[in-house]
PDB file of N, CA and C in Angstrom:
ATOM      1  N   MET A   1     201.195 228.622  60.052  1.00  0.00           N
ATOM      2  CA  MET A   1     202.493 228.824  59.450  1.00  0.00           C
ATOM      3  C   MET A   1     202.391 229.952  58.436  1.00  0.00           C
ATOM      4  N   THR A   2     203.506 230.523  58.086  1.00  0.00           N
ATOM      5  CA  THR A   2     203.525 231.633  57.138  1.00  0.00           C
ATOM      6  C   THR A   2     203.389 231.105  55.713  1.00  0.00           C
ATOM      7  N   LYS A   3     203.115 232.020  54.806  1.00  0.00           N
ATOM      8  CA  LYS A   3     203.012 231.675  53.387  1.00  0.00           C
ATOM      9  C   LYS A   3     204.316 231.046  52.900  1.00  0.00           C
ATOM     10  N   GLN A   4     205.429 231.645  53.243  1.00  0.00           N
ATOM     11  CA  GLN A   4     206.733 231.149  52.799  1.00  0.00           C
ATOM     12  C   GLN A   4     206.995 229.741  53.343  1.00  0.00           C
ATOM     13  N   GLU A   5     206.698 229.510  54.622  1.00  0.00           N
ATOM     14  CA  GLU A   5     206.893 228.188  55.224  1.00  0.00           C
ATOM     15  C   GLU A   5     206.024 227.141  54.539  1.00  0.00           C
ATOM     16  N   ALA A   6     204.756 227.484  54.321  1.00  0.00           N
ATOM     17  CA  ALA A   6     203.839 226.542  53.663  1.00  0.00           C
ATOM     18  C   ALA A   6     204.290 226.247  52.237  1.00  0.00           C
ATOM     19  N   SER A   7     204.724 227.289  51.533  1.00  0.00           N
ATOM     20  CA  SER A   7     205.184 227.118  50.158  1.00  0.00           C
ATOM     21  C   SER A   7     206.374 226.169  50.092  1.00  0.00           C
ATOM     22  N   GLU A   8     207.333 226.373  50.977  1.00  0.00           N
ATOM     23  CA  GLU A   8     208.533 225.537  50.970  1.00  0.00           C
ATOM     24  C   GLU A   8     208.256 224.118  51.446  1.00  0.00           C
ATOM     25  N   ARG A   9     207.485 223.982  52.509  1.00  0.00           N
ATOM     26  CA  ARG A   9     207.236 222.663  53.083  1.00  0.00           C
ATOM     27  C   ARG A   9     206.380 221.776  52.168  1.00  0.00           C
ATOM     28  N   TYR A  10     205.361 222.369  51.526  1.00  0.00           N
ATOM     29  CA  TYR A  10     204.420 221.587  50.733  1.00  0.00           C
ATOM     30  C   TYR A  10     204.546 221.811  49.233  1.00  0.00           C
ATOM     31  N   ASN A  11     205.597 222.556  48.834  1.00  0.00           N
ATOM     32  CA  ASN A  11     205.848 222.804  47.417  1.00  0.00           C
ATOM     33  C   ASN A  11     204.633 223.433  46.726  1.00  0.00           C
ATOM     34  N   ILE A  12     204.113 224.480  47.339  1.00  0.00           N
ATOM     35  CA  ILE A  12     202.958 225.196  46.806  1.00  0.00           C
ATOM     36  C   ILE A  12     203.471 226.483  46.172  1.00  0.00           C
ATOM     37  N   PRO A  13     203.107 226.726  44.915  1.00  0.00           N
ATOM     38  CA  PRO A  13     203.556 227.970  44.279  1.00  0.00           C
ATOM     39  C   PRO A  13     202.988 229.200  45.008  1.00  0.00           C
ATOM     40  N   ILE A  14     203.824 230.204  45.178  1.00  0.00           N
ATOM     41  CA  ILE A  14     203.401 231.433  45.853  1.00  0.00           C
ATOM     42  C   ILE A  14     202.248 232.090  45.097  1.00  0.00           C
ATOM     43  N   TRP A  15     202.294 232.070  43.755  1.00  0.00           N
ATOM     44  CA  TRP A  15     201.225 232.715  42.983  1.00  0.00           C
ATOM     45  C   TRP A  15     199.869 232.089  43.310  1.00  0.00           C
ATOM     46  N   LEU A  16     199.859 230.778  43.551  1.00  0.00           N
ATOM     47  CA  LEU A  16     198.606 230.111  43.876  1.00  0.00           C
ATOM     48  C   LEU A  16     198.113 230.542  45.262  1.00  0.00           C
ATOM     49  N   MET A  17     199.029 230.691  46.175  1.00  0.00           N
ATOM     50  CA  MET A  17     198.648 231.142  47.517  1.00  0.00           C
ATOM     51  C   MET A  17     198.144 232.584  47.480  1.00  0.00           C
ATOM     52  N   ASP A  18     198.752 233.407  46.637  1.00  0.00           N
ATOM     53  CA  ASP A  18     198.277 234.780  46.466  1.00  0.00           C
ATOM     54  C   ASP A  18     196.858 234.794  45.904  1.00  0.00           C
ATOM     55  N   GLU A  19     196.616 233.931  44.936  1.00  0.00           N
ATOM     56  CA  GLU A  19     195.280 233.834  44.336  1.00  0.00           C
ATOM     57  C   GLU A  19     194.259 233.416  45.405  1.00  0.00           C
ATOM     58  N   TYR A  20     194.596 232.420  46.183  1.00  0.00           N
ATOM     59  CA  TYR A  20     193.731 231.936  47.264  1.00  0.00           C
ATOM     60  C   TYR A  20     193.423 233.060  48.256  1.00  0.00           C
ATOM     61  N   GLU A  21     194.442 233.806  48.637  1.00  0.00           N
ATOM     62  CA  GLU A  21     194.249 234.922  49.564  1.00  0.00           C
ATOM     63  C   GLU A  21     193.343 235.993  48.961  1.00  0.00           C
ATOM     64  N   SER A  22     193.478 236.222  47.649  1.00  0.00           N
ATOM     65  CA  SER A  22     192.683 237.269  47.003  1.00  0.00           C
ATOM     66  C   SER A  22     191.193 236.945  47.031  1.00  0.00           C
ATOM     67  N   TRP A  23     190.860 235.677  47.172  1.00  0.00           N
ATOM     68  CA  TRP A  23     189.450 235.276  47.255  1.00  0.00           C
ATOM     69  C   TRP A  23     188.870 235.492  48.648  1.00  0.00           C
ATOM     70  N   GLY A  24     189.725 235.847  49.592  1.00  0.00           N
ATOM     71  CA  GLY A  24     189.257 236.102  50.952  1.00  0.00           C
ATOM     72  C   GLY A  24     188.851 234.849  51.717  1.00  0.00           C
ATOM     73  N   LEU A  25     189.438 233.716  51.349  1.00  0.00           N
ATOM     74  CA  LEU A  25     189.079 232.449  51.998  1.00  0.00           C
ATOM     75  C   LEU A  25     190.006 232.098  53.162  1.00  0.00           C
ATOM     76  N   CYS A  26     190.983 232.946  53.429  1.00  0.00           N
ATOM     77  CA  CYS A  26     191.895 232.702  54.546  1.00  0.00           C
ATOM     78  C   CYS A  26     192.436 234.023  55.061  1.00  0.00           C
ATOM     79  N   ARG A  27     193.107 233.960  56.198  1.00  0.00           N
ATOM     80  CA  ARG A  27     193.814 235.146  56.702  1.00  0.00           C
ATOM     81  C   ARG A  27     195.050 235.349  55.843  1.00  0.00           C
ATOM     82  N   GLU A  28     195.288 236.536  55.456  1.00  0.00           N
ATOM     83  CA  GLU A  28     196.417 236.828  54.573  1.00  0.00           C
ATOM     84  C   GLU A  28     197.742 236.489  55.243  1.00  0.00           C
ATOM     85  N   GLY A  29     198.520 235.652  54.561  1.00  0.00           N
ATOM     86  CA  GLY A  29     199.863 235.336  55.014  1.00  0.00           C
ATOM     87  C   GLY A  29     199.977 234.273  56.089  1.00  0.00           C
ATOM     88  N   ARG A  30     198.877 233.783  56.640  1.00  0.00           N
ATOM     89  CA  ARG A  30     198.906 232.750  57.687  1.00  0.00           C
ATOM     90  C   ARG A  30     198.052 231.564  57.234  1.00  0.00           C
ATOM     91  N   TYR A  31     198.572 230.359  57.433  1.00  0.00           N
ATOM     92  CA  TYR A  31     197.899 229.161  56.947  1.00  0.00           C
ATOM     93  C   TYR A  31     197.816 228.105  58.037  1.00  0.00           C
ATOM     94  N   ASP A  32     196.611 227.537  58.172  1.00  0.00           N
ATOM     95  CA  ASP A  32     196.443 226.418  59.095  1.00  0.00           C
ATOM     96  C   ASP A  32     196.152 225.163  58.268  1.00  0.00           C
ATOM     97  N   ASP A  33     195.889 224.050  58.939  1.00  0.00           N
ATOM     98  CA  ASP A  33     195.680 222.782  58.233  1.00  0.00           C
ATOM     99  C   ASP A  33     194.501 222.842  57.263  1.00  0.00           C
ATOM    100  N   SER A  34     193.413 223.505  57.655  1.00  0.00           N
ATOM    101  CA  SER A  34     192.253 223.579  56.756  1.00  0.00           C
ATOM    102  C   SER A  34     192.584 224.400  55.508  1.00  0.00           C
ATOM    103  N   ASP A  35     193.391 225.451  55.654  1.00  0.00           N
ATOM    104  CA  ASP A  35     193.825 226.224  54.489  1.00  0.00           C
ATOM    105  C   ASP A  35     194.650 225.354  53.551  1.00  0.00           C
ATOM    106  N   LEU A  36     195.545 224.571  54.127  1.00  0.00           N
ATOM    107  CA  LEU A  36     196.403 223.718  53.305  1.00  0.00           C
ATOM    108  C   LEU A  36     195.597 222.644  52.585  1.00  0.00           C
ATOM    109  N   GLU A  37     194.544 222.149  53.213  1.00  0.00           N
ATOM    110  CA  GLU A  37     193.665 221.183  52.542  1.00  0.00           C
ATOM    111  C   GLU A  37     192.962 221.844  51.368  1.00  0.00           C
ATOM    112  N   ARG A  38     192.476 223.078  51.565  1.00  0.00           N
ATOM    113  CA  ARG A  38     191.805 223.794  50.475  1.00  0.00           C
ATOM    114  C   ARG A  38     192.789 224.109  49.357  1.00  0.00           C
ATOM    115  N   ILE A  39     194.013 224.472  49.707  1.00  0.00           N
ATOM    116  CA  ILE A  39     195.010 224.753  48.679  1.00  0.00           C
ATOM    117  C   ILE A  39     195.345 223.483  47.896  1.00  0.00           C
ATOM    118  N   SER A  40     195.378 222.358  48.563  1.00  0.00           N
ATOM    119  CA  SER A  40     195.591 221.090  47.870  1.00  0.00           C
ATOM    120  C   SER A  40     194.470 220.843  46.859  1.00  0.00           C
ATOM    121  N   MET A  41     193.243 221.147  47.249  1.00  0.00           N
ATOM    122  CA  MET A  41     192.104 221.001  46.337  1.00  0.00           C
ATOM    123  C   MET A  41     192.261 221.969  45.157  1.00  0.00           C
ATOM    124  N   ILE A  42     192.680 223.191  45.439  1.00  0.00           N
ATOM    125  CA  ILE A  42     192.872 224.187  44.380  1.00  0.00           C
ATOM    126  C   ILE A  42     193.936 223.701  43.393  1.00  0.00           C
ATOM    127  N   MET A  43     195.014 223.137  43.889  1.00  0.00           N
ATOM    128  CA  MET A  43     196.062 222.618  43.013  1.00  0.00           C
ATOM    129  C   MET A  43     195.523 221.493  42.136  1.00  0.00           C
ATOM    130  N   THR A  44     194.712 220.633  42.713  1.00  0.00           N
ATOM    131  CA  THR A  44     194.102 219.551  41.938  1.00  0.00           C
ATOM    132  C   THR A  44     193.192 220.111  40.857  1.00  0.00           C
ATOM    133  N   LEU A  45     192.372 221.093  41.209  1.00  0.00           N
ATOM    134  CA  LEU A  45     191.468 221.692  40.224  1.00  0.00           C
ATOM    135  C   LEU A  45     192.252 222.370  39.106  1.00  0.00           C
ATOM    136  N   HIS A  46     193.342 223.045  39.434  1.00  0.00           N
ATOM    137  CA  HIS A  46     194.210 223.624  38.401  1.00  0.00           C
ATOM    138  C   HIS A  46     194.742 222.518  37.495  1.00  0.00           C
ATOM    139  N   ASP A  47     195.193 221.426  38.089  1.00  0.00           N
ATOM    140  CA  ASP A  47     195.778 220.325  37.319  1.00  0.00           C
ATOM    141  C   ASP A  47     194.788 219.695  36.346  1.00  0.00           C
ATOM    142  N   VAL A  48     193.508 219.687  36.700  1.00  0.00           N
ATOM    143  CA  VAL A  48     192.519 219.053  35.821  1.00  0.00           C
ATOM    144  C   VAL A  48     191.883 220.047  34.851  1.00  0.00           C
ATOM    145  N   GLY A  49     192.388 221.285  34.857  1.00  0.00           N
ATOM    146  CA  GLY A  49     191.966 222.216  33.824  1.00  0.00           C
ATOM    147  C   GLY A  49     190.980 223.298  34.218  1.00  0.00           C
ATOM    148  N   PHE A  50     190.680 223.431  35.488  1.00  0.00           N
ATOM    149  CA  PHE A  50     189.786 224.506  35.908  1.00  0.00           C
ATOM    150  C   PHE A  50     190.502 225.846  35.770  1.00  0.00           C
ATOM    151  N   THR A  51     189.764 226.876  35.368  1.00  0.00           N
ATOM    152  CA  THR A  51     190.316 228.224  35.322  1.00  0.00           C
ATOM    153  C   THR A  51     190.282 228.810  36.736  1.00  0.00           C
ATOM    154  N   GLY A  52     190.969 229.921  36.919  1.00  0.00           N
ATOM    155  CA  GLY A  52     190.965 230.576  38.223  1.00  0.00           C
ATOM    156  C   GLY A  52     189.570 230.946  38.690  1.00  0.00           C
ATOM    157  N   SER A  53     188.756 231.482  37.786  1.00  0.00           N
ATOM    158  CA  SER A  53     187.397 231.871  38.183  1.00  0.00           C
ATOM    159  C   SER A  53     186.530 230.651  38.487  1.00  0.00           C
ATOM    160  N   GLU A  54     186.724 229.555  37.746  1.00  0.00           N
ATOM    161  CA  GLU A  54     185.978 228.324  38.041  1.00  0.00           C
ATOM    162  C   GLU A  54     186.366 227.780  39.411  1.00  0.00           C
ATOM    163  N   ILE A  55     187.652 227.847  39.720  1.00  0.00           N
ATOM    164  CA  ILE A  55     188.116 227.359  41.019  1.00  0.00           C
ATOM    165  C   ILE A  55     187.540 228.213  42.142  1.00  0.00           C
ATOM    166  N   GLU A  56     187.552 229.508  41.960  1.00  0.00           N
ATOM    167  CA  GLU A  56     186.997 230.380  42.994  1.00  0.00           C
ATOM    168  C   GLU A  56     185.522 230.060  43.235  1.00  0.00           C
ATOM    169  N   THR A  57     184.767 229.887  42.161  1.00  0.00           N
ATOM    170  CA  THR A  57     183.351 229.520  42.289  1.00  0.00           C
ATOM    171  C   THR A  57     183.216 228.201  43.026  1.00  0.00           C
ATOM    172  N   TYR A  58     184.000 227.211  42.616  1.00  0.00           N
ATOM    173  CA  TYR A  58     183.941 225.877  43.221  1.00  0.00           C
ATOM    174  C   TYR A  58     184.248 225.940  44.713  1.00  0.00           C
ATOM    175  N   MET A  59     185.256 226.723  45.065  1.00  0.00           N
ATOM    176  CA  MET A  59     185.686 226.803  46.462  1.00  0.00           C
ATOM    177  C   MET A  59     184.719 227.613  47.321  1.00  0.00           C
ATOM    178  N   ARG A  60     183.985 228.528  46.726  1.00  0.00           N
ATOM    179  CA  ARG A  60     183.030 229.329  47.491  1.00  0.00           C
ATOM    180  C   ARG A  60     181.704 228.603  47.727  1.00  0.00           C
ATOM    181  N   LEU A  61     181.369 227.657  46.888  1.00  0.00           N
ATOM    182  CA  LEU A  61     180.078 226.975  46.998  1.00  0.00           C
ATOM    183  C   LEU A  61     179.827 226.353  48.372  1.00  0.00           C
ATOM    184  N   PRO A  62     180.794 225.667  48.984  1.00  0.00           N
ATOM    185  CA  PRO A  62     180.511 225.066  50.299  1.00  0.00           C
ATOM    186  C   PRO A  62     180.146 226.100  51.371  1.00  0.00           C
ATOM    187  N   LEU A  63     180.565 227.340  51.169  1.00  0.00           N
ATOM    188  CA  LEU A  63     180.237 228.378  52.142  1.00  0.00           C
ATOM    189  C   LEU A  63     178.739 228.677  52.148  1.00  0.00           C
ATOM    190  N   GLU A  64     178.062 228.271  51.075  1.00  0.00           N
ATOM    191  CA  GLU A  64     176.625 228.508  50.955  1.00  0.00           C
ATOM    192  C   GLU A  64     175.802 227.376  51.565  1.00  0.00           C
ATOM    193  N   GLY A  65     176.437 226.317  52.012  1.00  0.00           N
ATOM    194  CA  GLY A  65     175.736 225.219  52.672  1.00  0.00           C
ATOM    195  C   GLY A  65     175.808 223.909  51.910  1.00  0.00           C
ATOM    196  N   ASP A  66     175.299 222.869  52.537  1.00  0.00           N
ATOM    197  CA  ASP A  66     175.353 221.523  51.961  1.00  0.00           C
ATOM    198  C   ASP A  66     174.489 221.360  50.716  1.00  0.00           C
ATOM    199  N   HIS A  67     173.475 222.193  50.565  1.00  0.00           N
ATOM    200  CA  HIS A  67     172.574 222.060  49.423  1.00  0.00           C
ATOM    201  C   HIS A  67     173.277 222.373  48.092  1.00  0.00           C
ATOM    202  N   ILE A  68     174.485 222.851  48.137  1.00  0.00           N
ATOM    203  CA  ILE A  68     175.249 223.241  46.945  1.00  0.00           C
ATOM    204  C   ILE A  68     176.042 222.065  46.367  1.00  0.00           C
ATOM    205  N   LYS A  69     176.043 220.945  47.045  1.00  0.00           N
ATOM    206  CA  LYS A  69     176.824 219.775  46.627  1.00  0.00           C
ATOM    207  C   LYS A  69     176.582 219.425  45.153  1.00  0.00           C
ATOM    208  N   GLU A  70     175.339 219.460  44.719  1.00  0.00           N
ATOM    209  CA  GLU A  70     174.999 219.083  43.346  1.00  0.00           C
ATOM    210  C   GLU A  70     175.651 220.028  42.338  1.00  0.00           C
ATOM    211  N   GLN A  71     175.774 221.303  42.662  1.00  0.00           N
ATOM    212  CA  GLN A  71     176.420 222.247  41.751  1.00  0.00           C
ATOM    213  C   GLN A  71     177.898 221.916  41.578  1.00  0.00           C
ATOM    214  N   ARG A  72     178.550 221.507  42.647  1.00  0.00           N
ATOM    215  CA  ARG A  72     179.962 221.129  42.545  1.00  0.00           C
ATOM    216  C   ARG A  72     180.111 219.869  41.690  1.00  0.00           C
ATOM    217  N   ILE A  73     179.217 218.919  41.878  1.00  0.00           N
ATOM    218  CA  ILE A  73     179.248 217.699  41.067  1.00  0.00           C
ATOM    219  C   ILE A  73     179.032 218.046  39.597  1.00  0.00           C
ATOM    220  N   GLN A  74     178.120 218.962  39.305  1.00  0.00           N
ATOM    221  CA  GLN A  74     177.873 219.373  37.925  1.00  0.00           C
ATOM    222  C   GLN A  74     179.103 220.028  37.312  1.00  0.00           C
ATOM    223  N   MET A  75     179.808 220.849  38.086  1.00  0.00           N
ATOM    224  CA  MET A  75     181.028 221.476  37.582  1.00  0.00           C
ATOM    225  C   MET A  75     182.074 220.423  37.244  1.00  0.00           C
ATOM    226  N   LEU A  76     182.244 219.437  38.112  1.00  0.00           N
ATOM    227  CA  LEU A  76     183.211 218.371  37.871  1.00  0.00           C
ATOM    228  C   LEU A  76     182.800 217.528  36.669  1.00  0.00           C
ATOM    229  N   THR A  77     181.518 217.262  36.530  1.00  0.00           N
ATOM    230  CA  THR A  77     181.020 216.467  35.410  1.00  0.00           C
ATOM    231  C   THR A  77     181.256 217.185  34.088  1.00  0.00           C
ATOM    232  N   ARG A  78     181.007 218.495  34.047  1.00  0.00           N
ATOM    233  CA  ARG A  78     181.257 219.261  32.816  1.00  0.00           C
ATOM    234  C   ARG A  78     182.735 219.221  32.444  1.00  0.00           C
ATOM    235  N   LYS A  79     183.607 219.369  33.437  1.00  0.00           N
ATOM    236  CA  LYS A  79     185.049 219.335  33.160  1.00  0.00           C
ATOM    237  C   LYS A  79     185.458 217.948  32.675  1.00  0.00           C
ATOM    238  N   ARG A  80     184.876 216.908  33.281  1.00  0.00           N
ATOM    239  CA  ARG A  80     185.181 215.535  32.866  1.00  0.00           C
ATOM    240  C   ARG A  80     184.722 215.294  31.433  1.00  0.00           C
ATOM    241  N   ASP A  81     183.512 215.740  31.105  1.00  0.00           N
ATOM    242  CA  ASP A  81     182.982 215.579  29.750  1.00  0.00           C
ATOM    243  C   ASP A  81     183.867 216.285  28.727  1.00  0.00           C
ATOM    244  N   HIS A  82     184.344 217.469  29.083  1.00  0.00           N
ATOM    245  CA  HIS A  82     185.234 218.215  28.192  1.00  0.00           C
ATOM    246  C   HIS A  82     186.547 217.446  27.976  1.00  0.00           C
ATOM    247  N   ALA A  83     187.107 216.903  29.036  1.00  0.00           N
ATOM    248  CA  ALA A  83     188.353 216.128  28.922  1.00  0.00           C
ATOM    249  C   ALA A  83     188.133 214.895  28.050  1.00  0.00           C
ATOM    250  N   LEU A  84     186.984 214.258  28.211  1.00  0.00           N
ATOM    251  CA  LEU A  84     186.681 213.072  27.404  1.00  0.00           C
ATOM    252  C   LEU A  84     186.539 213.448  25.926  1.00  0.00           C
ATOM    253  N   ASP A  85     185.913 214.589  25.639  1.00  0.00           N
ATOM    254  CA  ASP A  85     185.821 215.064  24.251  1.00  0.00           C
ATOM    255  C   ASP A  85     187.210 215.278  23.662  1.00  0.00           C
ATOM    256  N   GLU A  86     188.121 215.847  24.443  1.00  0.00           N
ATOM    257  CA  GLU A  86     189.485 216.066  23.971  1.00  0.00           C
ATOM    258  C   GLU A  86     190.185 214.744  23.686  1.00  0.00           C
ATOM    259  N   ILE A  87     189.964 213.753  24.537  1.00  0.00           N
ATOM    260  CA  ILE A  87     190.562 212.430  24.324  1.00  0.00           C
ATOM    261  C   ILE A  87     190.049 211.825  23.027  1.00  0.00           C
ATOM    262  N   HIS A  88     188.748 211.905  22.799  1.00  0.00           N
ATOM    263  CA  HIS A  88     188.175 211.341  21.565  1.00  0.00           C
ATOM    264  C   HIS A  88     188.717 212.061  20.335  1.00  0.00           C
ATOM    265  N   PHE A  89     188.890 213.365  20.419  1.00  0.00           N
ATOM    266  CA  PHE A  89     189.459 214.126  19.310  1.00  0.00           C
ATOM    267  C   PHE A  89     190.885 213.658  19.023  1.00  0.00           C
ATOM    268  N   LYS A  90     191.678 213.482  20.069  1.00  0.00           N
ATOM    269  CA  LYS A  90     193.066 213.021  19.898  1.00  0.00           C
ATOM    270  C   LYS A  90     193.109 211.600  19.341  1.00  0.00           C
ATOM    271  N   GLU A  91     192.176 210.744  19.766  1.00  0.00           N
ATOM    272  CA  GLU A  91     192.119 209.383  19.222  1.00  0.00           C
ATOM    273  C   GLU A  91     191.826 209.411  17.727  1.00  0.00           C
ATOM    274  N   ALA A  92     190.928 210.301  17.302  1.00  0.00           N
ATOM    275  CA  ALA A  92     190.607 210.428  15.880  1.00  0.00           C
ATOM    276  C   ALA A  92     191.829 210.927  15.112  1.00  0.00           C
ATOM    277  N   GLN A  93     192.587 211.865  15.686  1.00  0.00           N
ATOM    278  CA  GLN A  93     193.813 212.335  15.039  1.00  0.00           C
ATOM    279  C   GLN A  93     194.808 211.192  14.866  1.00  0.00           C
ATOM    280  N   LEU A  94     194.968 210.395  15.908  1.00  0.00           N
ATOM    281  CA  LEU A  94     195.890 209.259  15.829  1.00  0.00           C
ATOM    282  C   LEU A  94     195.462 208.273  14.748  1.00  0.00           C
ATOM    283  N   ALA A  95     194.170 208.026  14.653  1.00  0.00           N
ATOM    284  CA  ALA A  95     193.673 207.104  13.625  1.00  0.00           C
ATOM    285  C   ALA A  95     193.988 207.641  12.229  1.00  0.00           C
ATOM    286  N   ARG A  96     193.826 208.935  12.008  1.00  0.00           N
ATOM    287  CA  ARG A  96     194.143 209.523  10.696  1.00  0.00           C
ATOM    288  C   ARG A  96     195.645 209.458  10.410  1.00  0.00           C
ATOM    289  N   LEU A  97     196.458 209.720  11.436  1.00  0.00           N
ATOM    290  CA  LEU A  97     197.910 209.611  11.253  1.00  0.00           C
ATOM    291  C   LEU A  97     198.319 208.183  10.913  1.00  0.00           C
ATOM    292  N   ASP A  98     197.736 207.220  11.606  1.00  0.00           N
ATOM    293  CA  ASP A  98     198.048 205.812  11.313  1.00  0.00           C
ATOM    294  C   ASP A  98     197.635 205.455   9.892  1.00  0.00           C
ATOM    295  N   TYR A  99     196.486 205.954   9.440  1.00  0.00           N
ATOM    296  CA  TYR A  99     196.032 205.704   8.073  1.00  0.00           C
ATOM    297  C   TYR A  99     197.047 206.261   7.067  1.00  0.00           C
ATOM    298  N   LEU A 100     197.500 207.496   7.302  1.00  0.00           N
ATOM    299  CA  LEU A 100     198.471 208.099   6.392  1.00  0.00           C
ATOM    300  C   LEU A 100     199.788 207.329   6.378  1.00  0.00           C
ATOM    301  N   ARG A 101     200.223 206.862   7.515  1.00  0.00           N
ATOM    302  CA  ARG A 101     201.456 206.066   7.585  1.00  0.00           C
ATOM    303  C   ARG A 101     201.300 204.758   6.811  1.00  0.00           C
ATOM    304  N   ARG A 102     200.145 204.099   6.996  1.00  0.00           N
ATOM    305  CA  ARG A 102     199.898 202.842   6.259  1.00  0.00           C
ATOM    306  C   ARG A 102     199.852 203.092   4.758  1.00  0.00           C
ATOM    307  N   SER A 103     199.260 204.231   4.382  1.00  0.00           N
ATOM    308  CA  SER A 103     199.174 204.565   2.961  1.00  0.00           C
ATOM    309  C   SER A 103     200.561 204.690   2.348  1.00  0.00           C
ATOM    310  N   ILE A 104     201.468 205.322   3.072  1.00  0.00           N
ATOM    311  CA  ILE A 104     202.832 205.492   2.571  1.00  0.00           C
ATOM    312  C   ILE A 104     203.521 204.143   2.473  1.00  0.00           C
ATOM    313  N   ASN A 105     203.361 203.301   3.474  1.00  0.00           N
ATOM    314  CA  ASN A 105     204.009 201.993   3.473  1.00  0.00           C
ATOM    315  C   ASN A 105     203.464 201.083   2.395  1.00  0.00           C
ATOM    316  N   ASN A 106     202.220 201.243   2.027  1.00  0.00           N
ATOM    317  CA  ASN A 106     201.590 200.369   1.030  1.00  0.00           C
ATOM    318  C   ASN A 106     201.750 200.888  -0.393  1.00  0.00           C
ATOM    319  N   THR A 107     202.270 202.067  -0.557  1.00  0.00           N
ATOM    320  CA  THR A 107     202.459 202.633  -1.885  1.00  0.00           C
ATOM    321  C   THR A 107     203.732 202.071  -2.494  1.00  0.00           C
ATOM    322  N   LYS A 108     203.579 201.531  -3.715  1.00  0.00           N
ATOM    323  CA  LYS A 108     204.750 200.995  -4.414  1.00  0.00           C
ATOM    324  C   LYS A 108     205.173 201.991  -5.476  1.00  0.00           C
ATOM    325  N   LYS A 109     206.404 202.403  -5.407  1.00  0.00           N
ATOM    326  CA  LYS A 109     206.936 203.328  -6.415  1.00  0.00           C
ATOM    327  C   LYS A 109     207.878 202.562  -7.315  1.00  0.00           C
ATOM    328  N   PHE A 110     207.803 202.880  -8.591  1.00  0.00           N
ATOM    329  CA  PHE A 110     208.652 202.218  -9.566  1.00  0.00           C
ATOM    330  C   PHE A 110     209.839 203.045  -9.893  1.00  0.00           C
TER     331      PHE A 110
END
């Protein structure tokens, strides 16, 4: 199917398809089922915070063979660890905000 057909049918942004094509991982402007599966993976990687260059690296690794599996797992683990650090930071912020709110509620003004 064409880029436009795939974009409309599967709600894939054209800019993402252009990026995918620029990596040379598909025929320009034509998409088959395997391309659409890879684009779905690219969309997921974008959603979880991978940069364009990280996604390109991740998507090229399988072309080097099965022995690259561990590198892909390491990339996912690093991204997961980073997300977990962000969650812990936000939890600490919430705890400080709750402390400040309690302080205001417990303060008696005359």
